[in-house]
């Protein structure tokens, strides 16, 4: 069993590079989840670390974990106050006309017997804001950097579909699920400010499946 890469570590925090396909919470149908790795992530501490926020099962990259209850409370407050800076990379399944912009579309959750639940853009939904910029185009797909201001469920996935005109490559809910074995979204970087301490900063390397589609580190310095 491969050990999950650690991107940042100190006495109160861990940032891991969560592999794509690993759910944070144990699936109802059973199977592996982050819970299976908590013992190895203790790294000599008595307590197992606790995930502070959520990223989708398909999404790879930076996940902040707290090593004690006091830290968890402070980190939760930082997320609530929108003090945490998050950078995502996504591969959009099509061309993107503009170079950069901001998508402000409120989101609401709906559910149906046929399709299950999903998020939709709705005026009466919760406000959601995402800043984006185009980094590179390869093979008809576009690498986009997303900086979400809010942290709504599926925010980047819905904003890509409605705001950029194309869903993320491989997205089975908001796109056609084709072109990649997963929804191509990667939590690239995370910065968490801390009072009286240096901020927590972490950056996750570009995943192999992004590279397989022709994107590389040179595209990230665009």
Protein backbone atom coordinates (compact mmCIF):
# COMPACT_ATOMS: atom_id res chain seq x y z
CA UNK A 1 0.00 0.00 0.00
CA UNK A 2 1.48 3.31 -1.04
CA UNK A 3 1.86 5.96 1.61
CA UNK A 4 -0.04 9.18 0.86
CA UNK A 5 2.38 12.03 0.05
CA UNK A 6 2.73 14.71 2.75
CA UNK A 7 2.98 18.25 1.35
CA UNK A 8 3.17 20.12 4.67
CA UNK A 9 3.61 19.08 8.27
CA UNK A 10 3.93 20.79 11.64
CA UNK A 11 2.61 20.27 15.17
CA UNK A 12 -0.99 21.18 14.37
CA UNK A 13 -1.45 20.59 10.65
CA UNK A 14 -0.87 18.19 7.80
CA UNK A 15 -1.55 18.84 4.14
CA UNK A 16 -1.71 15.66 2.10
CA UNK A 17 -1.75 15.11 -1.66
CA UNK A 18 -4.99 13.14 -1.81
CA UNK A 19 -5.00 10.64 -4.67
CA UNK A 20 -7.84 10.85 -7.19
CA UNK A 21 -10.45 8.18 -6.52
CA UNK A 22 -9.93 8.08 -2.74
CA UNK A 23 -13.07 9.22 -0.89
CA UNK A 24 -12.63 11.21 2.32
CA UNK A 25 -15.53 9.45 4.03
CA UNK A 26 -16.14 5.71 3.88
CA UNK A 27 -18.58 4.93 1.03
CA UNK A 28 -21.95 3.47 2.01
CA UNK A 29 -21.23 0.51 -0.25
CA UNK A 30 -17.93 -0.09 1.53
CA UNK A 31 -14.42 0.06 0.10
CA UNK A 32 -11.31 2.05 0.85
CA UNK A 33 -11.36 5.66 1.99
CA UNK A 34 -9.09 8.13 3.73
CA UNK A 35 -10.03 6.38 6.99
CA UNK A 36 -7.84 3.45 5.94
CA UNK A 37 -4.80 5.75 5.95
CA UNK A 38 -5.34 7.62 9.22
CA UNK A 39 -3.02 5.42 11.29
CA UNK A 40 -0.11 5.95 8.88
CA UNK A 41 -0.88 9.70 8.89
CA UNK A 42 -0.44 9.98 12.67
CA UNK A 43 3.32 10.22 11.99
CA UNK A 44 4.23 9.67 15.63
CA UNK A 45 1.37 11.68 17.12
CA UNK A 46 -1.16 10.01 19.41
CA UNK A 47 -4.26 11.37 17.68
CA UNK A 48 -5.27 10.57 14.13
CA UNK A 49 -5.57 13.74 12.00
CA UNK A 50 -9.00 15.00 10.94
CA UNK A 51 -9.88 16.39 7.49
CA UNK A 52 -10.79 20.07 7.85
CA UNK A 53 -12.61 20.46 4.52
CA UNK A 54 -13.94 18.28 1.71
CA UNK A 55 -12.80 17.69 -1.83
CA UNK A 56 -14.61 15.36 -4.21
CA UNK A 57 -13.56 11.71 -4.43
CA UNK A 58 -12.36 12.26 -8.03
CA UNK A 59 -10.41 15.41 -7.15
CA UNK A 60 -6.70 15.03 -6.40
CA UNK A 61 -4.42 17.34 -4.46
CA UNK A 62 -4.21 19.48 -1.33
CA UNK A 63 -6.29 18.42 1.66
CA UNK A 64 -5.75 20.11 5.04
CA UNK A 65 -5.91 17.92 8.14
CA UNK A 66 -5.86 19.07 11.77
CA UNK A 67 -3.82 17.19 14.37
CA UNK A 68 -5.77 18.33 17.44
CA UNK A 69 -9.25 19.70 18.28
CA UNK A 70 -8.05 23.28 18.93
CA UNK A 71 -6.35 23.46 15.54
CA UNK A 72 -9.46 21.99 13.88
CA UNK A 73 -11.60 24.73 15.41
CA UNK A 74 -9.23 27.48 14.23
CA UNK A 75 -8.90 26.06 10.72
CA UNK A 76 -12.70 25.68 10.42
CA UNK A 77 -13.06 29.33 11.42
CA UNK A 78 -10.54 30.35 8.74
CA UNK A 79 -12.55 28.50 6.07
CA UNK A 80 -15.81 30.03 7.33
CA UNK A 81 -14.28 33.52 7.17
CA UNK A 82 -13.01 32.85 3.61
CA UNK A 83 -9.43 33.52 4.70
CA UNK A 84 -8.10 30.33 3.07
CA UNK A 85 -6.65 30.75 -0.42
CA UNK A 86 -7.31 27.80 -2.73
CA UNK A 87 -5.98 27.24 -6.23
CA UNK A 88 -7.33 24.47 -8.45
CA UNK A 89 -6.35 23.24 -11.89
CA UNK A 90 -9.03 21.87 -14.17
CA UNK A 91 -9.05 20.55 -17.72
CA UNK A 92 -12.08 21.95 -19.54
CA UNK A 93 -13.48 19.75 -22.31
CA UNK A 94 -13.36 22.33 -25.09
CA UNK A 95 -11.95 25.74 -26.07
CA UNK A 96 -12.25 28.75 -23.77
CA UNK A 97 -12.59 32.04 -25.65
CA UNK A 98 -11.41 34.56 -23.06
CA UNK A 99 -8.12 34.60 -21.13
CA UNK A 100 -9.50 35.22 -17.65
CA UNK A 101 -12.58 36.27 -15.76
CA UNK A 102 -14.86 35.82 -12.77
CA UNK A 103 -17.92 33.57 -12.63
CA UNK A 104 -20.62 34.55 -10.13
CA UNK A 105 -23.47 32.04 -10.24
CA UNK A 106 -25.50 31.08 -7.19
CA UNK A 107 -25.88 27.34 -6.66
CA UNK A 108 -28.71 25.18 -5.39
CA UNK A 109 -29.01 21.43 -4.80
CA UNK A 110 -31.66 19.39 -6.60
CA UNK A 111 -32.47 15.69 -6.53
CA UNK A 112 -34.38 13.31 -8.77
CA UNK A 113 -35.01 9.57 -8.72
CA UNK A 114 -33.38 9.07 -12.14
CA UNK A 115 -30.24 11.17 -11.79
CA UNK A 116 -29.72 11.40 -8.04
CA UNK A 117 -28.61 14.77 -6.65
CA UNK A 118 -26.64 17.51 -8.36
CA UNK A 119 -26.00 21.24 -8.08
CA UNK A 120 -27.60 23.74 -10.46
CA UNK A 121 -27.18 27.45 -11.11
CA UNK A 122 -30.17 29.13 -9.46
CA UNK A 123 -30.87 32.75 -8.56
CA UNK A 124 -32.26 31.75 -5.18
CA UNK A 125 -29.27 29.51 -4.43
CA UNK A 126 -26.22 30.22 -2.27
CA UNK A 127 -23.81 32.81 -3.71
CA UNK A 128 -20.75 31.27 -5.39
CA UNK A 129 -17.81 33.13 -6.95
CA UNK A 130 -14.88 31.67 -8.90
CA UNK A 131 -11.99 33.58 -10.50
CA UNK A 132 -10.31 31.81 -13.42
CA UNK A 133 -7.59 32.17 -16.03
CA UNK A 134 -6.65 30.14 -19.07
CA UNK A 135 -3.21 28.51 -18.92
CA UNK A 136 -2.89 26.33 -22.04
CA UNK A 137 -4.76 24.48 -24.79
CA UNK A 138 -3.93 20.97 -26.01
CA UNK A 139 -5.89 18.61 -28.23
CA UNK A 140 -9.10 20.62 -28.00
CA UNK A 141 -8.97 20.76 -24.18
CA UNK A 142 -8.07 23.78 -22.03
CA UNK A 143 -6.07 23.88 -18.79
CA UNK A 144 -7.64 26.47 -16.49
CA UNK A 145 -6.58 27.81 -13.10
CA UNK A 146 -9.53 28.31 -10.74
CA UNK A 147 -9.46 30.40 -7.55
CA UNK A 148 -12.77 29.88 -5.76
CA UNK A 149 -13.78 32.67 -3.38
CA UNK A 150 -16.58 30.57 -1.90
CA UNK A 151 -16.56 26.85 -1.15
CA UNK A 152 -19.85 25.49 -2.44
CA UNK A 153 -20.32 21.82 -3.30
CA UNK A 154 -19.31 21.12 -6.94
CA UNK A 155 -18.75 24.87 -7.41
CA UNK A 156 -15.92 24.67 -9.95
CA UNK A 157 -17.62 21.86 -11.86
CA UNK A 158 -20.89 23.80 -12.30
CA UNK A 159 -19.10 27.11 -12.94
CA UNK A 160 -17.00 25.50 -15.68
CA UNK A 161 -20.11 24.12 -17.39
CA UNK A 162 -22.14 27.32 -17.21
CA UNK A 163 -19.48 30.03 -17.06
CA UNK A 164 -16.95 28.65 -19.56
CA UNK A 165 -19.36 26.80 -21.84
CA UNK A 166 -17.85 23.35 -21.27
CA UNK A 167 -17.81 20.94 -18.35
CA UNK A 168 -14.58 19.56 -16.94
CA UNK A 169 -13.14 16.68 -18.95
CA UNK A 170 -14.37 13.31 -17.67
CA UNK A 171 -17.14 14.80 -15.50
CA UNK A 172 -20.00 12.24 -15.53
CA UNK A 173 -22.52 14.56 -13.84
CA UNK A 174 -22.07 17.95 -15.50
CA UNK A 175 -20.43 16.72 -18.70
CA UNK A 176 -20.56 13.54 -20.78
CA UNK A 177 -18.02 11.63 -18.67
CA UNK A 178 -15.77 11.06 -21.68
CA UNK A 179 -12.15 11.85 -22.48
CA UNK A 180 -10.66 10.96 -19.09
CA UNK A 181 -11.12 8.27 -16.43
CA UNK A 182 -12.11 10.85 -13.81
CA UNK A 183 -13.30 14.43 -13.47
CA UNK A 184 -10.09 16.33 -14.25
CA UNK A 185 -9.82 18.61 -11.23
CA UNK A 186 -6.75 19.03 -9.02
CA UNK A 187 -6.40 21.01 -5.79
CA UNK A 188 -3.09 22.64 -6.70
CA UNK A 189 -2.34 24.92 -3.74
CA UNK A 190 -3.59 25.93 -0.31
CA UNK A 191 -2.66 28.83 1.99
CA UNK A 192 -4.09 29.06 5.50
CA UNK A 193 -3.24 32.19 7.52
CA UNK A 194 -2.54 31.75 11.25
CA UNK A 195 -2.43 34.40 13.92
CA UNK A 196 1.08 34.75 15.36
CA UNK A 197 2.46 31.94 13.18
CA UNK A 198 3.64 31.50 9.63
CA UNK A 199 0.81 30.52 7.30
CA UNK A 200 0.32 26.93 6.22
CA UNK A 201 1.30 26.74 2.55
CA UNK A 202 1.27 23.68 0.32
CA UNK A 203 1.47 22.91 -3.37
CA UNK A 204 0.61 19.57 -4.98
CA UNK A 205 2.50 18.50 -8.11
CA UNK A 206 0.68 18.12 -11.41
CA UNK A 207 -0.83 14.60 -11.54
CA UNK A 208 0.26 11.99 -14.06
CA UNK A 209 -3.16 11.91 -15.76
CA UNK A 210 -2.93 15.67 -16.46
CA UNK A 211 0.52 15.09 -17.99
CA UNK A 212 -0.84 12.21 -20.09
CA UNK A 213 -3.16 14.72 -21.77
CA UNK A 214 -0.20 16.87 -22.79
CA UNK A 215 -0.09 19.43 -19.98
CA UNK A 216 3.14 20.04 -18.06
CA UNK A 217 4.88 22.26 -15.53
CA UNK A 218 5.73 24.83 -18.22
CA UNK A 219 2.00 25.51 -18.63
CA UNK A 220 1.67 26.40 -14.96
CA UNK A 221 4.01 29.39 -15.18
CA UNK A 222 1.79 30.98 -17.82
